C-alpha atoms as a PDB file:
ATOM      1  CA  UNK A   1       3.839  10.075  -5.207  1.00  0.00           C
ATOM      2  CA  UNK A   2       2.767  12.030  -8.240  1.00  0.00           C
ATOM      3  CA  UNK A   3      -0.858  11.613  -9.199  1.00  0.00           C
ATOM      4  CA  UNK A   4       0.068  10.586 -12.738  1.00  0.00           C
ATOM      5  CA  UNK A   5       2.615   7.907 -11.754  1.00  0.00           C
ATOM      6  CA  UNK A   6       2.082   4.575 -13.499  1.00  0.00           C
ATOM      7  CA  UNK A   7       1.201   1.618 -11.333  1.00  0.00           C
ATOM      8  CA  UNK A   8       1.306  -1.915 -12.658  1.00  0.00           C
ATOM      9  CA  UNK A   9      -1.289  -4.201 -11.081  1.00  0.00           C
ATOM     10  CA  UNK A  10      -1.303  -7.977 -10.916  1.00  0.00           C
ATOM     11  CA  UNK A  11      -4.680  -9.234  -9.714  1.00  0.00           C
ATOM     12  CA  UNK A  12      -4.999 -12.907  -8.784  1.00  0.00           C
ATOM     13  CA  UNK A  13      -8.436 -14.276  -7.918  1.00  0.00           C
ATOM     14  CA  UNK A  14      -8.575 -17.041  -5.319  1.00  0.00           C
ATOM     15  CA  UNK A  15     -11.308 -18.733  -3.282  1.00  0.00           C
ATOM     16  CA  UNK A  16     -12.716 -15.748  -1.409  1.00  0.00           C
ATOM     17  CA  UNK A  17     -10.621 -12.737  -2.282  1.00  0.00           C
ATOM     18  CA  UNK A  18      -8.351 -10.960  -4.743  1.00  0.00           C
ATOM     19  CA  UNK A  19      -4.616 -10.754  -4.159  1.00  0.00           C
ATOM     20  CA  UNK A  20      -3.325  -7.515  -5.632  1.00  0.00           C
ATOM     21  CA  UNK A  21       0.361  -6.844  -6.261  1.00  0.00           C
ATOM     22  CA  UNK A  22       1.129  -3.254  -7.258  1.00  0.00           C
ATOM     23  CA  UNK A  23       4.438  -1.987  -8.627  1.00  0.00           C
ATOM     24  CA  UNK A  24       5.349   1.667  -9.076  1.00  0.00           C
ATOM     25  CA  UNK A  25       6.703   1.726 -12.645  1.00  0.00           C
ATOM     26  CA  UNK A  26       9.059   4.633 -11.914  1.00  0.00           C
ATOM     27  CA  UNK A  27      10.770   3.242  -8.804  1.00  0.00           C
ATOM     28  CA  UNK A  28      10.088  -0.496  -8.951  1.00  0.00           C
ATOM     29  CA  UNK A  29       8.701  -0.414  -5.414  1.00  0.00           C
ATOM     30  CA  UNK A  30       6.165  -3.198  -4.814  1.00  0.00           C
ATOM     31  CA  UNK A  31       3.320  -3.681  -2.345  1.00  0.00           C
ATOM     32  CA  UNK A  32       0.648  -6.346  -2.028  1.00  0.00           C
ATOM     33  CA  UNK A  33      -2.754  -6.482  -0.388  1.00  0.00           C
ATOM     34  CA  UNK A  34      -5.971  -8.478  -0.333  1.00  0.00           C
ATOM     35  CA  UNK A  35      -9.416  -7.254  -1.406  1.00  0.00           C
ATOM     36  CA  UNK A  36     -12.844  -8.867  -1.603  1.00  0.00           C
ATOM     37  CA  UNK A  37     -14.151 -10.253  -4.902  1.00  0.00           C
ATOM     38  CA  UNK A  38     -16.165  -7.669  -6.779  1.00  0.00           C
ATOM     39  CA  UNK A  39     -14.013  -4.714  -5.727  1.00  0.00           C
ATOM     40  CA  UNK A  40     -13.999  -2.226  -8.638  1.00  0.00           C
ATOM     41  CA  UNK A  41     -10.665  -1.793 -10.386  1.00  0.00           C
ATOM     42  CA  UNK A  42     -10.731   1.959  -9.695  1.00  0.00           C
ATOM     43  CA  UNK A  43     -10.834   1.200  -5.967  1.00  0.00           C
ATOM     44  CA  UNK A  44      -7.929  -1.245  -6.311  1.00  0.00           C
ATOM     45  CA  UNK A  45      -5.857   1.416  -8.106  1.00  0.00           C
ATOM     46  CA  UNK A  46      -6.685   3.960  -5.369  1.00  0.00           C
ATOM     47  CA  UNK A  47      -5.723   1.490  -2.645  1.00  0.00           C
ATOM     48  CA  UNK A  48      -2.486   0.667  -4.477  1.00  0.00           C
ATOM     49  CA  UNK A  49      -1.565   4.376  -4.739  1.00  0.00           C
ATOM     50  CA  UNK A  50      -2.388   4.934  -1.077  1.00  0.00           C
ATOM     51  CA  UNK A  51      -0.397   1.925   0.087  1.00  0.00           C
ATOM     52  CA  UNK A  52       2.628   2.825  -2.058  1.00  0.00           C
ATOM     53  CA  UNK A  53       2.542   6.373  -0.639  1.00  0.00           C
ATOM     54  CA  UNK A  54       2.239   4.959   2.899  1.00  0.00           C
ATOM     55  CA  UNK A  55       5.206   2.606   2.418  1.00  0.00           C
ATOM     56  CA  UNK A  56       7.307   5.366   0.862  1.00  0.00           C
ATOM     57  CA  UNK A  57       6.529   7.711   3.778  1.00  0.00           C
ATOM     58  CA  UNK A  58       7.419   5.039   6.354  1.00  0.00           C
ATOM     59  CA  UNK A  59      10.721   4.291   4.608  1.00  0.00           C
ATOM     60  CA  UNK A  60      11.659   7.960   4.393  1.00  0.00           C
ATOM     61  CA  UNK A  61      10.956   8.382   8.122  1.00  0.00           C
ATOM     62  CA  UNK A  62      13.079   5.333   8.933  1.00  0.00           C
ATOM     63  CA  UNK A  63      15.916   6.790   6.847  1.00  0.00           C
ATOM     64  CA  UNK A  64      15.972   9.889   9.073  1.00  0.00           C
ATOM     65  CA  UNK A  65      16.776   8.579  12.555  1.00  0.00           C
ATOM     66  CA  UNK A  66      16.819  10.924  15.490  1.00  0.00           C
ATOM     67  CA  UNK A  67      13.912  13.065  14.420  1.00  0.00           C
ATOM     68  CA  UNK A  68      11.086  13.400  16.863  1.00  0.00           C
ATOM     69  CA  UNK A  69       8.050  11.535  15.707  1.00  0.00           C
ATOM     70  CA  UNK A  70       4.696  11.485  17.392  1.00  0.00           C
ATOM     71  CA  UNK A  71       4.115   8.165  19.122  1.00  0.00           C
ATOM     72  CA  UNK A  72       1.925   5.859  17.111  1.00  0.00           C
ATOM     73  CA  UNK A  73      -1.513   5.074  18.354  1.00  0.00           C
ATOM     74  CA  UNK A  74      -1.731   1.749  20.104  1.00  0.00           C
ATOM     75  CA  UNK A  75      -1.190  -0.826  17.356  1.00  0.00           C
ATOM     76  CA  UNK A  76      -3.835  -3.317  16.461  1.00  0.00           C
ATOM     77  CA  UNK A  77      -2.936  -6.853  17.547  1.00  0.00           C
ATOM     78  CA  UNK A  78      -0.950  -8.492  14.767  1.00  0.00           C
ATOM     79  CA  UNK A  79      -1.778  -5.705  12.322  1.00  0.00           C
ATOM     80  CA  UNK A  80       0.728  -4.293   9.863  1.00  0.00           C
ATOM     81  CA  UNK A  81      -1.832  -3.132   7.334  1.00  0.00           C
ATOM     82  CA  UNK A  82      -3.486   0.194   6.787  1.00  0.00           C
ATOM     83  CA  UNK A  83      -7.181   0.775   7.284  1.00  0.00           C
ATOM     84  CA  UNK A  84      -8.805   1.890   4.035  1.00  0.00           C
END
């Protein structure tokens, strides 16, 4: 993803955390994640960019079947998120 790509953020505060929905304005691709209250907006934007790039990379790899990929490290139980 280009460094200057626009990302639209929707931040919803709930009991103990923030729910952040991020949409890439150019492609319309959307991701969502949770963050603790008090997380600076700059950190939320960075996490949104990183997660959008991660999702885009995973989708492009899935679109190219048959290519050798390194086996993933043992997955965390029940985890589909990225460690930031």
